[in-house]
Amino acid sequence: MALPRKSSRRIVVDGVTYRWRVRRRPTYGQGMCWSPLTYAVEHAANPGTTLLVRTDRPHPGNWMGGPASPVLPSGVAAAIRAARAEGWTPEAPGSPFLLDESQGTAPSACR
């Protein structure tokens, strides 16, 4: 499923254009700080497999008052490069590719 253009941001990494998006409202688990912030990335021209990046930080809209740090374009670019190194092919169709940057921990700011 393609990302909506209206709420996604454009980024160019190594000469390739991608779009990325953080969900505006947290899921219930993210709001309660049970699960970390996740954002999606896809190829801008030929969207195929979506990259889902699970971070180690809470969603900015969490309900527990955990301080949120923004997702920076430099972090998105690093995640795209790491996913490409692990075999993510954004132009090919398929199920979402998960890149887990959380090290298996709950968001540290909500503990």
C-alpha atoms as a PDB file:
ATOM      1  CA  MET A   1       0.000   0.000   0.000  1.00  0.00           C
ATOM      2  CA  ALA A   2       1.409   3.377  -0.987  1.00  0.00           C
ATOM      3  CA  LEU A   3       2.020   6.230   1.434  1.00  0.00           C
ATOM      4  CA  PRO A   4      -0.254   9.230   1.020  1.00  0.00           C
ATOM      5  CA  ARG A   5       1.594  12.065  -0.704  1.00  0.00           C
ATOM      6  CA  LYS A   6      -0.061  14.758   1.371  1.00  0.00           C
ATOM      7  CA  SER A   7       1.428  13.771   4.708  1.00  0.00           C
ATOM      8  CA  SER A   8       4.752  12.279   3.608  1.00  0.00           C
ATOM      9  CA  ARG A   9       8.150  13.921   3.315  1.00  0.00           C
ATOM     10  CA  ARG A  10      10.589  13.584   0.441  1.00  0.00           C
ATOM     11  CA  ILE A  11      14.215  12.542   0.941  1.00  0.00           C
ATOM     12  CA  VAL A  12      17.007  11.785  -1.511  1.00  0.00           C
ATOM     13  CA  VAL A  13      19.516   9.139  -0.423  1.00  0.00           C
ATOM     14  CA  ASP A  14      22.442   8.222  -2.680  1.00  0.00           C
ATOM     15  CA  GLY A  15      20.675   9.760  -5.680  1.00  0.00           C
ATOM     16  CA  VAL A  16      17.379   7.894  -5.159  1.00  0.00           C
ATOM     17  CA  THR A  17      14.206   9.693  -4.077  1.00  0.00           C
ATOM     18  CA  TYR A  18      12.105   8.189  -1.273  1.00  0.00           C
ATOM     19  CA  ARG A  19       9.088   9.316   0.735  1.00  0.00           C
ATOM     20  CA  TRP A  20       8.753   8.766   4.452  1.00  0.00           C
ATOM     21  CA  ARG A  21       6.043   9.306   7.018  1.00  0.00           C
ATOM     22  CA  VAL A  22       5.444   9.142  10.766  1.00  0.00           C
ATOM     23  CA  ARG A  23       1.904   8.252  11.763  1.00  0.00           C
ATOM     24  CA  ARG A  24       0.215  11.416  13.084  1.00  0.00           C
ATOM     25  CA  ARG A  25      -1.742   9.796  15.867  1.00  0.00           C
ATOM     26  CA  PRO A  26      -0.184   7.021  17.925  1.00  0.00           C
ATOM     27  CA  THR A  27      -1.635   3.539  17.980  1.00  0.00           C
ATOM     28  CA  TYR A  28      -3.028   2.513  21.370  1.00  0.00           C
ATOM     29  CA  GLY A  29       0.194   0.677  22.203  1.00  0.00           C
ATOM     30  CA  GLN A  30       2.305   3.678  21.215  1.00  0.00           C
ATOM     31  CA  GLY A  31       0.065   6.043  23.177  1.00  0.00           C
ATOM     32  CA  MET A  32       0.487   3.912  26.304  1.00  0.00           C
ATOM     33  CA  CYS A  33       4.261   3.584  25.660  1.00  0.00           C
ATOM     34  CA  TRP A  34       3.996  -0.180  25.231  1.00  0.00           C
ATOM     35  CA  SER A  35       5.430  -0.063  21.720  1.00  0.00           C
ATOM     36  CA  PRO A  36       7.917   2.346  20.146  1.00  0.00           C
ATOM     37  CA  LEU A  37       7.562   4.854  17.336  1.00  0.00           C
ATOM     38  CA  THR A  38       7.545   3.288  13.864  1.00  0.00           C
ATOM     39  CA  TYR A  39       7.786   5.145  10.570  1.00  0.00           C
ATOM     40  CA  ALA A  40       7.389   4.059   6.959  1.00  0.00           C
ATOM     41  CA  VAL A  41       9.591   4.661   3.906  1.00  0.00           C
ATOM     42  CA  GLU A  42       8.942   3.861   0.249  1.00  0.00           C
ATOM     43  CA  HIS A  43      10.476   4.523  -3.171  1.00  0.00           C
ATOM     44  CA  ALA A  44       8.954   7.745  -4.537  1.00  0.00           C
ATOM     45  CA  ALA A  45       8.695   6.865  -8.231  1.00  0.00           C
ATOM     46  CA  ASN A  46       8.039   3.101  -8.095  1.00  0.00           C
ATOM     47  CA  PRO A  47       6.599   2.178  -4.684  1.00  0.00           C
ATOM     48  CA  GLY A  48       6.894  -1.528  -4.055  1.00  0.00           C
ATOM     49  CA  THR A  49       7.991  -2.946  -0.724  1.00  0.00           C
ATOM     50  CA  THR A  50       7.513  -0.526   2.159  1.00  0.00           C
ATOM     51  CA  LEU A  51      10.235  -0.190   4.779  1.00  0.00           C
ATOM     52  CA  LEU A  52       8.990  -0.056   8.381  1.00  0.00           C
ATOM     53  CA  VAL A  53      11.547   1.318  10.825  1.00  0.00           C
ATOM     54  CA  ARG A  54      10.943   0.553  14.509  1.00  0.00           C
ATOM     55  CA  THR A  55      12.832   3.040  16.687  1.00  0.00           C
ATOM     56  CA  ASP A  56      13.772   3.002  20.380  1.00  0.00           C
ATOM     57  CA  ARG A  57      11.880   6.203  21.226  1.00  0.00           C
ATOM     58  CA  PRO A  58       8.267   6.951  22.148  1.00  0.00           C
ATOM     59  CA  HIS A  59       5.748   8.376  19.706  1.00  0.00           C
ATOM     60  CA  PRO A  60       5.554  12.197  19.993  1.00  0.00           C
ATOM     61  CA  GLY A  61       1.823  11.947  20.708  1.00  0.00           C
ATOM     62  CA  ASN A  62       2.082   9.445  23.575  1.00  0.00           C
ATOM     63  CA  TRP A  63      -0.386   9.878  26.426  1.00  0.00           C
ATOM     64  CA  MET A  64       2.039   9.142  29.246  1.00  0.00           C
ATOM     65  CA  GLY A  65       3.973  12.390  28.974  1.00  0.00           C
ATOM     66  CA  GLY A  66       7.174  10.783  27.749  1.00  0.00           C
ATOM     67  CA  PRO A  67       9.393  13.394  26.083  1.00  0.00           C
ATOM     68  CA  ALA A  68       9.699  12.738  22.378  1.00  0.00           C
ATOM     69  CA  SER A  69      12.654  13.322  20.145  1.00  0.00           C
ATOM     70  CA  PRO A  70      11.972  14.079  16.486  1.00  0.00           C
ATOM     71  CA  VAL A  71      12.739  11.749  13.612  1.00  0.00           C
ATOM     72  CA  LEU A  72      15.429  13.599  11.683  1.00  0.00           C
ATOM     73  CA  PRO A  73      16.095  13.237   7.960  1.00  0.00           C
ATOM     74  CA  SER A  74      19.661  12.136   8.776  1.00  0.00           C
ATOM     75  CA  GLY A  75      18.244   9.245  10.819  1.00  0.00           C
ATOM     76  CA  VAL A  76      15.874   8.307   8.008  1.00  0.00           C
ATOM     77  CA  ALA A  77      18.759   8.332   5.513  1.00  0.00           C
ATOM     78  CA  ALA A  78      20.831   6.104   7.808  1.00  0.00           C
ATOM     79  CA  ALA A  79      17.904   3.695   8.188  1.00  0.00           C
ATOM     80  CA  ILE A  80      17.431   3.541   4.401  1.00  0.00           C
ATOM     81  CA  ARG A  81      21.123   2.756   3.892  1.00  0.00           C
ATOM     82  CA  ALA A  82      21.020   0.070   6.602  1.00  0.00           C
ATOM     83  CA  ALA A  83      17.891  -1.516   5.116  1.00  0.00           C
ATOM     84  CA  ARG A  84      19.399  -1.519   1.612  1.00  0.00           C
ATOM     85  CA  ALA A  85      22.496  -3.238   3.047  1.00  0.00           C
ATOM     86  CA  GLU A  86      20.235  -5.878   4.649  1.00  0.00           C
ATOM     87  CA  GLY A  87      18.479  -6.588   1.360  1.00  0.00           C
ATOM     88  CA  TRP A  88      15.510  -4.222   1.126  1.00  0.00           C
ATOM     89  CA  THR A  89      14.512  -3.716  -2.507  1.00  0.00           C
ATOM     90  CA  PRO A  90      12.046  -0.810  -2.529  1.00  0.00           C
ATOM     91  CA  GLU A  91      11.042  -1.130  -6.191  1.00  0.00           C
ATOM     92  CA  ALA A  92      10.069  -4.821  -5.971  1.00  0.00           C
ATOM     93  CA  PRO A  93       6.580  -5.812  -4.821  1.00  0.00           C
ATOM     94  CA  GLY A  94       6.269  -7.696  -1.573  1.00  0.00           C
ATOM     95  CA  SER A  95       5.365  -7.569   2.076  1.00  0.00           C
ATOM     96  CA  PRO A  96       6.781  -4.793   4.287  1.00  0.00           C
ATOM     97  CA  PHE A  97      10.453  -4.993   5.265  1.00  0.00           C
ATOM     98  CA  LEU A  98      11.049  -4.405   9.002  1.00  0.00           C
ATOM     99  CA  LEU A  99      14.197  -2.681  10.224  1.00  0.00           C
ATOM    100  CA  ASP A 100      14.309  -2.915  14.005  1.00  0.00           C
ATOM    101  CA  GLU A 101      16.420  -0.186  15.608  1.00  0.00           C
ATOM    102  CA  SER A 102      14.850  -0.668  19.045  1.00  0.00           C
ATOM    103  CA  GLN A 103      17.220  -3.403  20.285  1.00  0.00           C
ATOM    104  CA  GLY A 104      14.154  -5.163  21.700  1.00  0.00           C
ATOM    105  CA  THR A 105      13.498  -2.620  24.440  1.00  0.00           C
ATOM    106  CA  ALA A 106      10.495  -0.528  25.367  1.00  0.00           C
ATOM    107  CA  PRO A 107      10.741   3.222  24.733  1.00  0.00           C
ATOM    108  CA  SER A 108      13.204   4.482  27.343  1.00  0.00           C
ATOM    109  CA  ALA A 109      11.472   7.822  27.966  1.00  0.00           C
ATOM    110  CA  CYS A 110       8.227   6.192  29.092  1.00  0.00           C
ATOM    111  CA  ARG A 111       9.644   3.814  31.694  1.00  0.00           C
END
